[in-house]
Amino acid sequence: MIDEILMDCEERMEKTLSSLSENFATVRTGRANAMILDRIKVDYYGVPTPVNQMAGVKTPDAHLLVIEPWDKGMLRAIEHAIQESDLGVTPNNDGSVIRLPFPALTEERRKELVKQCKTFAEEARVAVRGARRDANAAVEKAIKNDNLPEDDAKRAEDQIQKLTDRYIEAVDAAFKKKEAEVMEI
């Protein structure tokens, strides 16, 4: 019973951590990163499709992404989708590929991106605490419904708190790493 609650709690916290990593990957640093295109969807014959599923994305150097669509007829649609997104990068279409030059970030823009990362980290902390709250509620329910002994319940709550502390530390470490990456010139 308690093992189930702990496994469920840890699973939710792990999903939160992976979601945080995905969110951090979409925040652009001074370097070109193909993952920032993951959220950009292009209307591909009536189906919203991610750019990386309809084109090859290469990183020839640290400040440039080259998008080469497999269907050359989609060049305009991809270019339009990138312009409509909030990437802050202007695509250059030469008729066969789209180049995305990433200029170096200004100090002000870096600080805005760190704020965005801080928001993602706080949302992750809240989600971890929510998993803790739900696990503690499940333990309380087990006390009432399944006659779980108080000692076992106390041990379970201690284990849940240790899990929570471990995942909050992981969120903080991920944020510190991303902050350093964004502030790096």
N, C-alpha and C. Protein backbone atom coordinates (compact mmCIF):
# COMPACT_ATOMS: atom_id res chain seq x y z
N MET A 1 0.83 -1.19 0.00
CA MET A 1 0.00 0.00 0.00
C MET A 1 0.88 1.26 0.00
N ILE A 2 1.77 1.34 0.98
CA ILE A 2 2.64 2.51 1.08
C ILE A 2 3.61 2.55 -0.10
N ASP A 3 4.11 1.38 -0.50
CA ASP A 3 5.02 1.34 -1.64
C ASP A 3 4.35 1.88 -2.90
N GLU A 4 3.08 1.56 -3.08
CA GLU A 4 2.31 2.06 -4.22
C GLU A 4 2.23 3.58 -4.19
N ILE A 5 1.92 4.11 -3.03
CA ILE A 5 1.80 5.57 -2.87
C ILE A 5 3.14 6.23 -3.18
N LEU A 6 4.22 5.67 -2.64
CA LEU A 6 5.55 6.24 -2.87
C LEU A 6 5.95 6.16 -4.34
N MET A 7 5.66 5.02 -4.97
CA MET A 7 6.00 4.88 -6.39
C MET A 7 5.23 5.88 -7.24
N ASP A 8 3.95 6.04 -6.95
CA ASP A 8 3.12 6.98 -7.69
C ASP A 8 3.65 8.41 -7.51
N CYS A 9 3.99 8.73 -6.27
CA CYS A 9 4.50 10.06 -5.96
C CYS A 9 5.81 10.32 -6.70
N GLU A 10 6.73 9.35 -6.65
CA GLU A 10 8.02 9.52 -7.31
C GLU A 10 7.85 9.62 -8.83
N GLU A 11 6.92 8.84 -9.37
CA GLU A 11 6.65 8.88 -10.81
C GLU A 11 6.19 10.28 -11.24
N ARG A 12 5.27 10.86 -10.46
CA ARG A 12 4.79 12.21 -10.78
C ARG A 12 5.90 13.24 -10.68
N MET A 13 6.75 13.09 -9.67
CA MET A 13 7.86 14.04 -9.50
C MET A 13 8.86 13.90 -10.64
N GLU A 14 9.09 12.67 -11.09
CA GLU A 14 10.00 12.42 -12.21
C GLU A 14 9.45 13.05 -13.49
N LYS A 15 8.14 12.91 -13.71
CA LYS A 15 7.51 13.53 -14.89
C LYS A 15 7.65 15.05 -14.83
N THR A 16 7.51 15.61 -13.64
CA THR A 16 7.67 17.05 -13.46
C THR A 16 9.07 17.48 -13.86
N LEU A 17 10.07 16.71 -13.44
CA LEU A 17 11.46 17.02 -13.77
C LEU A 17 11.71 16.95 -15.27
N SER A 18 11.15 15.93 -15.93
CA SER A 18 11.35 15.82 -17.38
C SER A 18 10.61 16.94 -18.12
N SER A 19 9.46 17.32 -17.61
CA SER A 19 8.72 18.44 -18.20
C SER A 19 9.52 19.74 -18.06
N LEU A 20 10.16 19.91 -16.90
CA LEU A 20 10.99 21.09 -16.68
C LEU A 20 12.14 21.11 -17.69
N SER A 21 12.75 19.97 -17.92
CA SER A 21 13.86 19.89 -18.89
C SER A 21 13.38 20.29 -20.29
N GLU A 22 12.18 19.81 -20.66
CA GLU A 22 11.62 20.17 -21.96
C GLU A 22 11.37 21.68 -22.04
N ASN A 23 10.84 22.25 -20.97
CA ASN A 23 10.59 23.69 -20.96
C ASN A 23 11.89 24.47 -21.06
N PHE A 24 12.92 24.04 -20.33
CA PHE A 24 14.21 24.72 -20.39
C PHE A 24 14.81 24.63 -21.79
N ALA A 25 14.60 23.51 -22.46
CA ALA A 25 15.17 23.32 -23.80
C ALA A 25 14.59 24.31 -24.80
N THR A 26 13.37 24.79 -24.55
CA THR A 26 12.75 25.73 -25.48
C THR A 26 13.22 27.16 -25.26
N VAL A 27 13.89 27.42 -24.16
CA VAL A 27 14.41 28.77 -23.89
C VAL A 27 15.72 28.90 -24.62
N ARG A 28 15.79 29.89 -25.48
CA ARG A 28 16.99 30.00 -26.29
C ARG A 28 18.11 30.69 -25.53
N THR A 29 19.29 30.14 -25.68
CA THR A 29 20.47 30.75 -25.10
C THR A 29 21.19 31.46 -26.24
N GLY A 30 22.39 31.84 -26.05
CA GLY A 30 23.14 32.51 -27.12
C GLY A 30 23.46 31.57 -28.27
N ARG A 31 23.28 30.28 -28.04
CA ARG A 31 23.61 29.29 -29.06
C ARG A 31 22.37 28.83 -29.81
N ALA A 32 22.59 28.37 -31.03
CA ALA A 32 21.49 27.79 -31.81
C ALA A 32 21.22 26.38 -31.28
N ASN A 33 19.96 26.07 -31.06
CA ASN A 33 19.58 24.76 -30.54
C ASN A 33 18.32 24.32 -31.28
N ALA A 34 18.38 23.18 -31.93
CA ALA A 34 17.26 22.70 -32.73
C ALA A 34 15.99 22.47 -31.90
N MET A 35 16.12 22.27 -30.60
CA MET A 35 14.95 21.98 -29.76
C MET A 35 14.00 23.18 -29.63
N ILE A 36 14.49 24.39 -29.93
CA ILE A 36 13.57 25.53 -29.84
C ILE A 36 12.50 25.47 -30.93
N LEU A 37 12.71 24.64 -31.93
CA LEU A 37 11.73 24.50 -33.01
C LEU A 37 10.64 23.48 -32.66
N ASP A 38 10.82 22.74 -31.55
CA ASP A 38 9.87 21.68 -31.19
C ASP A 38 8.44 22.18 -31.03
N ARG A 39 8.27 23.38 -30.54
CA ARG A 39 6.92 23.89 -30.28
C ARG A 39 6.30 24.59 -31.49
N ILE A 40 7.09 24.79 -32.52
CA ILE A 40 6.57 25.47 -33.72
C ILE A 40 5.90 24.43 -34.61
N LYS A 41 4.61 24.65 -34.85
CA LYS A 41 3.83 23.73 -35.69
C LYS A 41 3.54 24.41 -37.02
N VAL A 42 3.63 23.63 -38.08
CA VAL A 42 3.35 24.13 -39.43
C VAL A 42 2.14 23.38 -39.96
N ASP A 43 1.26 24.09 -40.66
CA ASP A 43 0.08 23.46 -41.24
C ASP A 43 0.54 22.64 -42.45
N TYR A 44 0.65 21.33 -42.28
CA TYR A 44 1.11 20.43 -43.33
C TYR A 44 -0.08 19.67 -43.88
N TYR A 45 -0.66 20.19 -44.94
CA TYR A 45 -1.86 19.63 -45.56
C TYR A 45 -2.97 19.43 -44.54
N GLY A 46 -3.20 20.46 -43.73
CA GLY A 46 -4.30 20.44 -42.77
C GLY A 46 -3.97 19.85 -41.42
N VAL A 47 -2.74 19.37 -41.24
CA VAL A 47 -2.34 18.77 -39.95
C VAL A 47 -1.21 19.60 -39.34
N PRO A 48 -1.41 20.13 -38.13
CA PRO A 48 -0.31 20.87 -37.48
C PRO A 48 0.84 19.90 -37.16
N THR A 49 1.99 20.15 -37.77
CA THR A 49 3.13 19.24 -37.67
C THR A 49 4.36 20.00 -37.17
N PRO A 50 5.10 19.43 -36.21
CA PRO A 50 6.34 20.09 -35.76
C PRO A 50 7.35 20.18 -36.90
N VAL A 51 8.12 21.25 -36.91
CA VAL A 51 9.11 21.48 -37.97
C VAL A 51 10.08 20.32 -38.09
N ASN A 52 10.52 19.77 -36.95
CA ASN A 52 11.53 18.70 -37.00
C ASN A 52 10.99 17.39 -37.57
N GLN A 53 9.66 17.29 -37.80
CA GLN A 53 9.09 16.09 -38.42
C GLN A 53 8.88 16.26 -39.92
N MET A 54 9.19 17.46 -40.42
CA MET A 54 9.00 17.68 -41.85
C MET A 54 10.25 18.27 -42.51
N ALA A 55 11.34 18.37 -41.75
CA ALA A 55 12.55 18.94 -42.30
C ALA A 55 13.76 18.46 -41.51
N GLY A 56 14.90 18.49 -42.17
CA GLY A 56 16.16 18.23 -41.48
C GLY A 56 16.64 19.52 -40.87
N VAL A 57 17.04 19.48 -39.61
CA VAL A 57 17.53 20.68 -38.94
C VAL A 57 19.00 20.46 -38.59
N LYS A 58 19.86 21.34 -39.10
CA LYS A 58 21.30 21.22 -38.86
C LYS A 58 21.80 22.46 -38.12
N THR A 59 22.91 22.27 -37.41
CA THR A 59 23.54 23.38 -36.70
C THR A 59 24.98 23.50 -37.20
N PRO A 60 25.19 24.23 -38.30
CA PRO A 60 26.55 24.33 -38.84
C PRO A 60 27.53 25.08 -37.93
N ASP A 61 27.03 26.05 -37.18
CA ASP A 61 27.87 26.70 -36.17
C ASP A 61 27.00 27.12 -34.98
N ALA A 62 27.62 27.70 -33.99
CA ALA A 62 26.92 27.98 -32.72
C ALA A 62 25.79 29.01 -32.84
N HIS A 63 25.79 29.80 -33.90
CA HIS A 63 24.79 30.86 -34.02
C HIS A 63 23.90 30.72 -35.25
N LEU A 64 23.79 29.50 -35.79
CA LEU A 64 22.99 29.33 -37.01
C LEU A 64 22.31 27.96 -37.03
N LEU A 65 21.02 27.98 -37.39
CA LEU A 65 20.28 26.74 -37.65
C LEU A 65 19.92 26.75 -39.12
N VAL A 66 20.04 25.59 -39.77
CA VAL A 66 19.65 25.46 -41.17
C VAL A 66 18.53 24.42 -41.23
N ILE A 67 17.38 24.85 -41.78
CA ILE A 67 16.22 23.97 -41.89
C ILE A 67 16.05 23.61 -43.36
N GLU A 68 16.12 22.31 -43.64
CA GLU A 68 15.99 21.85 -45.02
C GLU A 68 14.77 20.94 -45.11
N PRO A 69 13.63 21.48 -45.59
CA PRO A 69 12.41 20.68 -45.67
C PRO A 69 12.54 19.56 -46.70
N TRP A 70 11.93 18.42 -46.39
CA TRP A 70 11.94 17.30 -47.33
C TRP A 70 10.99 17.59 -48.49
N ASP A 71 9.95 18.35 -48.21
CA ASP A 71 9.01 18.78 -49.25
C ASP A 71 9.28 20.28 -49.47
N LYS A 72 9.96 20.60 -50.58
CA LYS A 72 10.36 22.01 -50.83
C LYS A 72 9.15 22.95 -50.91
N GLY A 73 7.98 22.41 -51.18
CA GLY A 73 6.77 23.23 -51.24
C GLY A 73 6.37 23.78 -49.88
N MET A 74 6.97 23.27 -48.81
CA MET A 74 6.62 23.71 -47.46
C MET A 74 7.53 24.82 -46.95
N LEU A 75 8.49 25.26 -47.78
CA LEU A 75 9.41 26.32 -47.35
C LEU A 75 8.68 27.56 -46.84
N ARG A 76 7.74 28.05 -47.62
CA ARG A 76 6.99 29.27 -47.24
C ARG A 76 6.22 29.05 -45.94
N ALA A 77 5.57 27.89 -45.81
CA ALA A 77 4.77 27.61 -44.62
C ALA A 77 5.65 27.55 -43.37
N ILE A 78 6.82 26.93 -43.49
CA ILE A 78 7.74 26.86 -42.35
C ILE A 78 8.23 28.25 -41.99
N GLU A 79 8.60 29.01 -43.03
CA GLU A 79 9.09 30.38 -42.80
C GLU A 79 8.01 31.20 -42.10
N HIS A 80 6.79 31.08 -42.55
CA HIS A 80 5.67 31.83 -41.96
C HIS A 80 5.46 31.42 -40.49
N ALA A 81 5.50 30.12 -40.22
CA ALA A 81 5.29 29.64 -38.85
C ALA A 81 6.37 30.17 -37.91
N ILE A 82 7.60 30.24 -38.40
CA ILE A 82 8.71 30.75 -37.57
C ILE A 82 8.52 32.25 -37.31
N GLN A 83 8.08 32.98 -38.34
CA GLN A 83 7.84 34.41 -38.16
C GLN A 83 6.71 34.67 -37.18
N GLU A 84 5.68 33.82 -37.20
CA GLU A 84 4.53 33.99 -36.30
C GLU A 84 4.85 33.60 -34.86
N SER A 85 5.88 32.77 -34.68
CA SER A 85 6.24 32.32 -33.33
C SER A 85 6.93 33.46 -32.59
N ASP A 86 7.20 33.24 -31.30
CA ASP A 86 7.85 34.28 -30.51
C ASP A 86 9.34 34.00 -30.33
N LEU A 87 9.97 33.42 -31.36
CA LEU A 87 11.40 33.10 -31.27
C LEU A 87 12.28 34.35 -31.25
N GLY A 88 11.83 35.38 -31.93
CA GLY A 88 12.64 36.59 -32.00
C GLY A 88 13.78 36.45 -33.00
N VAL A 89 13.61 35.55 -33.98
CA VAL A 89 14.63 35.32 -35.00
C VAL A 89 13.96 35.45 -36.36
N THR A 90 14.62 36.15 -37.28
CA THR A 90 14.07 36.32 -38.61
C THR A 90 14.65 35.27 -39.54
N PRO A 91 13.79 34.43 -40.14
CA PRO A 91 14.29 33.39 -41.04
C PRO A 91 14.72 33.95 -42.40
N ASN A 92 15.79 33.38 -42.96
CA ASN A 92 16.24 33.74 -44.30
C ASN A 92 15.97 32.56 -45.22
N ASN A 93 15.09 32.76 -46.20
CA ASN A 93 14.69 31.70 -47.13
C ASN A 93 15.42 31.93 -48.45
N ASP A 94 16.25 30.95 -48.86
CA ASP A 94 16.96 31.12 -50.13
C ASP A 94 16.39 30.24 -51.25
N GLY A 95 15.21 29.65 -51.02
CA GLY A 95 14.57 28.84 -52.05
C GLY A 95 14.79 27.34 -51.87
N SER A 96 15.81 26.95 -51.11
CA SER A 96 16.01 25.52 -50.87
C SER A 96 16.13 25.21 -49.38
N VAL A 97 16.66 26.15 -48.61
CA VAL A 97 16.75 25.98 -47.15
C VAL A 97 16.37 27.29 -46.46
N ILE A 98 16.08 27.17 -45.16
CA ILE A 98 15.82 28.36 -44.35
C ILE A 98 16.95 28.44 -43.33
N ARG A 99 17.56 29.61 -43.27
CA ARG A 99 18.61 29.83 -42.28
C ARG A 99 18.06 30.70 -41.15
N LEU A 100 18.35 30.27 -39.92
CA LEU A 100 17.94 31.05 -38.75
C LEU A 100 19.20 31.52 -38.03
N PRO A 101 19.57 32.79 -38.24
CA PRO A 101 20.75 33.31 -37.54
C PRO A 101 20.36 33.76 -36.12
N PHE A 102 21.11 33.31 -35.13
CA PHE A 102 20.84 33.69 -33.75
C PHE A 102 21.86 34.72 -33.32
N PRO A 103 21.43 35.97 -33.19
CA PRO A 103 22.37 37.00 -32.73
C PRO A 103 22.69 36.78 -31.25
N ALA A 104 23.83 37.31 -30.85
CA ALA A 104 24.20 37.21 -29.43
C ALA A 104 23.13 37.95 -28.61
N LEU A 105 22.83 37.42 -27.44
CA LEU A 105 21.79 38.01 -26.60
C LEU A 105 22.32 39.23 -25.86
N THR A 106 21.44 40.22 -25.70
CA THR A 106 21.81 41.38 -24.90
C THR A 106 21.65 41.02 -23.42
N GLU A 107 22.26 41.81 -22.57
CA GLU A 107 22.16 41.57 -21.13
C GLU A 107 20.71 41.60 -20.67
N GLU A 108 19.96 42.56 -21.20
CA GLU A 108 18.54 42.70 -20.83
C GLU A 108 17.74 41.45 -21.24
N ARG A 109 17.98 40.97 -22.45
CA ARG A 109 17.27 39.79 -22.95
C ARG A 109 17.64 38.56 -22.12
N ARG A 110 18.92 38.45 -21.74
CA ARG A 110 19.34 37.34 -20.89
C ARG A 110 18.57 37.33 -19.57
N LYS A 111 18.43 38.51 -18.99
CA LYS A 111 17.71 38.61 -17.70
C LYS A 111 16.25 38.21 -17.87
N GLU A 112 15.63 38.60 -19.00
CA GLU A 112 14.24 38.19 -19.27
C GLU A 112 14.14 36.67 -19.38
N LEU A 113 15.11 36.06 -20.06
CA LEU A 113 15.10 34.61 -20.22
C LEU A 113 15.31 33.90 -18.88
N VAL A 114 16.14 34.47 -18.02
CA VAL A 114 16.34 33.89 -16.68
C VAL A 114 15.04 33.97 -15.89
N LYS A 115 14.31 35.08 -16.03
CA LYS A 115 13.01 35.20 -15.35
C LYS A 115 12.05 34.12 -15.85
N GLN A 116 12.06 33.89 -17.16
CA GLN A 116 11.20 32.85 -17.74
C GLN A 116 11.59 31.48 -17.18
N CYS A 117 12.87 31.22 -17.08
CA CYS A 117 13.35 29.94 -16.51
C CYS A 117 12.96 29.82 -15.05
N LYS A 118 13.03 30.95 -14.33
CA LYS A 118 12.66 30.95 -12.91
C LYS A 118 11.18 30.58 -12.76
N THR A 119 10.35 31.09 -13.68
CA THR A 119 8.92 30.76 -13.66
C THR A 119 8.72 29.26 -13.90
N PHE A 120 9.44 28.70 -14.89
CA PHE A 120 9.35 27.27 -15.16
C PHE A 120 9.76 26.46 -13.92
N ALA A 121 10.84 26.90 -13.26
CA ALA A 121 11.33 26.19 -12.07
C ALA A 121 10.31 26.26 -10.94
N GLU A 122 9.70 27.43 -10.76
CA GLU A 122 8.70 27.57 -9.69
C GLU A 122 7.48 26.69 -9.97
N GLU A 123 7.06 26.64 -11.23
CA GLU A 123 5.94 25.76 -11.59
C GLU A 123 6.28 24.30 -11.28
N ALA A 124 7.53 23.92 -11.53
CA ALA A 124 7.96 22.55 -11.24
C ALA A 124 7.95 22.29 -9.74
N ARG A 125 8.43 23.27 -8.95
CA ARG A 125 8.41 23.11 -7.48
C ARG A 125 6.98 22.94 -6.99
N VAL A 126 6.06 23.73 -7.54
CA VAL A 126 4.65 23.64 -7.14
C VAL A 126 4.10 22.25 -7.49
N ALA A 127 4.46 21.75 -8.66
CA ALA A 127 3.99 20.42 -9.08
C ALA A 127 4.55 19.33 -8.16
N VAL A 128 5.82 19.47 -7.76
CA VAL A 128 6.42 18.49 -6.84
C VAL A 128 5.69 18.53 -5.50
N ARG A 129 5.41 19.74 -5.02
CA ARG A 129 4.69 19.85 -3.73
C ARG A 129 3.26 19.31 -3.86
N GLY A 130 2.67 19.48 -5.03
CA GLY A 130 1.32 18.93 -5.26
C GLY A 130 1.35 17.41 -5.19
N ALA A 131 2.40 16.81 -5.74
CA ALA A 131 2.54 15.35 -5.67
C ALA A 131 2.70 14.92 -4.21
N ARG A 132 3.46 15.70 -3.44
CA ARG A 132 3.63 15.40 -2.02
C ARG A 132 2.30 15.48 -1.28
N ARG A 133 1.54 16.54 -1.57
CA ARG A 133 0.24 16.73 -0.92
C ARG A 133 -0.69 15.54 -1.22
N ASP A 134 -0.73 15.15 -2.49
CA ASP A 134 -1.60 14.02 -2.88
C ASP A 134 -1.15 12.72 -2.22
N ALA A 135 0.17 12.51 -2.13
CA ALA A 135 0.68 11.28 -1.50
C ALA A 135 0.34 11.28 0.00
N ASN A 136 0.50 12.43 0.64
CA ASN A 136 0.16 12.51 2.07
C ASN A 136 -1.34 12.28 2.27
N ALA A 137 -2.15 12.78 1.36
CA ALA A 137 -3.60 12.57 1.45
C ALA A 137 -3.92 11.08 1.28
N ALA A 138 -3.20 10.41 0.40
CA ALA A 138 -3.41 8.97 0.20
C ALA A 138 -3.03 8.19 1.46
N VAL A 139 -1.99 8.65 2.16
CA VAL A 139 -1.59 8.00 3.41
C VAL A 139 -2.67 8.20 4.47
N GLU A 140 -3.19 9.42 4.56
CA GLU A 140 -4.27 9.71 5.52
C GLU A 140 -5.50 8.85 5.23
N LYS A 141 -5.79 8.70 3.96
CA LYS A 141 -6.93 7.87 3.55
C LYS A 141 -6.71 6.41 3.94
N ALA A 142 -5.46 5.96 3.79
CA ALA A 142 -5.12 4.58 4.15
C ALA A 142 -5.26 4.36 5.66
N ILE A 143 -4.97 5.40 6.44
CA ILE A 143 -5.13 5.29 7.90
C ILE A 143 -6.60 5.05 8.24
N LYS A 144 -7.46 5.83 7.60
CA LYS A 144 -8.90 5.74 7.88
C LYS A 144 -9.53 4.47 7.32
N ASN A 145 -9.27 4.20 6.03
CA ASN A 145 -9.97 3.11 5.34
C ASN A 145 -9.32 1.74 5.53
N ASP A 146 -7.99 1.69 5.58
CA ASP A 146 -7.30 0.40 5.61
C ASP A 146 -6.66 0.11 6.97
N ASN A 147 -6.98 0.93 7.95
CA ASN A 147 -6.42 0.76 9.30
C ASN A 147 -4.89 0.68 9.29
N LEU A 148 -4.26 1.57 8.54
CA LEU A 148 -2.81 1.64 8.49
C LEU A 148 -2.31 2.12 9.85
N PRO A 149 -1.33 1.44 10.45
CA PRO A 149 -0.82 1.87 11.75
C PRO A 149 -0.18 3.25 11.66
N GLU A 150 -0.29 4.02 12.73
CA GLU A 150 0.25 5.39 12.78
C GLU A 150 1.75 5.41 12.52
N ASP A 151 2.49 4.41 13.06
CA ASP A 151 3.94 4.37 12.86
C ASP A 151 4.29 4.24 11.39
N ASP A 152 3.57 3.36 10.68
CA ASP A 152 3.80 3.19 9.24
C ASP A 152 3.47 4.47 8.49
N ALA A 153 2.40 5.11 8.90
CA ALA A 153 1.99 6.36 8.25
C ALA A 153 3.06 7.43 8.45
N LYS A 154 3.60 7.51 9.66
CA LYS A 154 4.64 8.51 9.95
C LYS A 154 5.88 8.24 9.11
N ARG A 155 6.27 6.95 9.02
CA ARG A 155 7.43 6.59 8.20
C ARG A 155 7.19 6.94 6.73
N ALA A 156 5.99 6.68 6.26
CA ALA A 156 5.65 6.98 4.86
C ALA A 156 5.72 8.48 4.61
N GLU A 157 5.19 9.28 5.54
CA GLU A 157 5.24 10.74 5.37
C GLU A 157 6.67 11.24 5.38
N ASP A 158 7.53 10.63 6.21
CA ASP A 158 8.95 11.00 6.22
C ASP A 158 9.60 10.68 4.87
N GLN A 159 9.27 9.49 4.32
CA GLN A 159 9.83 9.11 3.02
C GLN A 159 9.34 10.04 1.92
N ILE A 160 8.07 10.42 2.00
CA ILE A 160 7.50 11.35 1.00
C ILE A 160 8.21 12.69 1.09
N GLN A 161 8.49 13.15 2.31
CA GLN A 161 9.19 14.43 2.47
C GLN A 161 10.61 14.35 1.92
N LYS A 162 11.29 13.21 2.15
CA LYS A 162 12.65 13.05 1.61
C LYS A 162 12.63 13.07 0.09
N LEU A 163 11.63 12.40 -0.49
CA LEU A 163 11.47 12.42 -1.95
C LEU A 163 11.28 13.85 -2.44
N THR A 164 10.39 14.57 -1.75
CA THR A 164 10.09 15.95 -2.12
C THR A 164 11.37 16.79 -2.07
N ASP A 165 12.11 16.67 -0.98
CA ASP A 165 13.34 17.45 -0.84
C ASP A 165 14.33 17.13 -1.96
N ARG A 166 14.43 15.84 -2.30
CA ARG A 166 15.36 15.43 -3.36
C ARG A 166 14.97 16.04 -4.70
N TYR A 167 13.67 16.03 -5.01
CA TYR A 167 13.23 16.56 -6.30
C TYR A 167 13.27 18.09 -6.34
N ILE A 168 13.01 18.73 -5.22
CA ILE A 168 13.13 20.19 -5.18
C ILE A 168 14.59 20.58 -5.41
N GLU A 169 15.53 19.83 -4.80
CA GLU A 169 16.96 20.09 -5.03
C GLU A 169 17.31 19.89 -6.50
N ALA A 170 16.73 18.86 -7.12
CA ALA A 170 17.00 18.60 -8.54
C ALA A 170 16.48 19.74 -9.41
N VAL A 171 15.30 20.27 -9.07
CA VAL A 171 14.74 21.41 -9.80
C VAL A 171 15.66 22.62 -9.64
N ASP A 172 16.10 22.88 -8.41
CA ASP A 172 16.99 24.02 -8.15
C ASP A 172 18.31 23.88 -8.91
N ALA A 173 18.85 22.66 -8.93
CA ALA A 173 20.11 22.42 -9.64
C ALA A 173 19.93 22.64 -11.14
N ALA A 174 18.82 22.16 -11.69
CA ALA A 174 18.55 22.34 -13.12
C ALA A 174 18.40 23.83 -13.44
N PHE A 175 17.75 24.56 -12.55
CA PHE A 175 17.58 26.01 -12.77
C PHE A 175 18.93 26.72 -12.74
N LYS A 176 19.76 26.40 -11.75
CA LYS A 176 21.08 27.04 -11.64
C LYS A 176 21.91 26.78 -12.90
N LYS A 177 21.84 25.54 -13.39
CA LYS A 177 22.59 25.18 -14.60
C LYS A 177 22.08 25.98 -15.80
N LYS A 178 20.76 26.06 -15.96
CA LYS A 178 20.19 26.79 -17.09
C LYS A 178 20.48 28.29 -16.97
N GLU A 179 20.40 28.81 -15.74
CA GLU A 179 20.69 30.23 -15.53
C GLU A 179 22.12 30.55 -15.94
N ALA A 180 23.07 29.69 -15.56
CA ALA A 180 24.47 29.90 -15.94
C ALA A 180 24.63 29.85 -17.46
N GLU A 181 23.90 28.91 -18.10
CA GLU A 181 23.96 28.76 -19.55
C GLU A 181 23.42 30.00 -20.25
N VAL A 182 22.31 30.55 -19.74
CA VAL A 182 21.70 31.73 -20.36
C VAL A 182 22.56 32.97 -20.15
N MET A 183 23.15 33.11 -18.97
CA MET A 183 23.93 34.31 -18.66
C MET A 183 25.33 34.27 -19.27
N GLU A 184 25.75 33.09 -19.74
CA GLU A 184 27.07 32.95 -20.37
C GLU A 184 27.13 33.76 -21.66
N ILE A 185 28.19 34.48 -21.83
CA ILE A 185 28.32 35.31 -23.05
C ILE A 185 29.02 34.54 -24.15
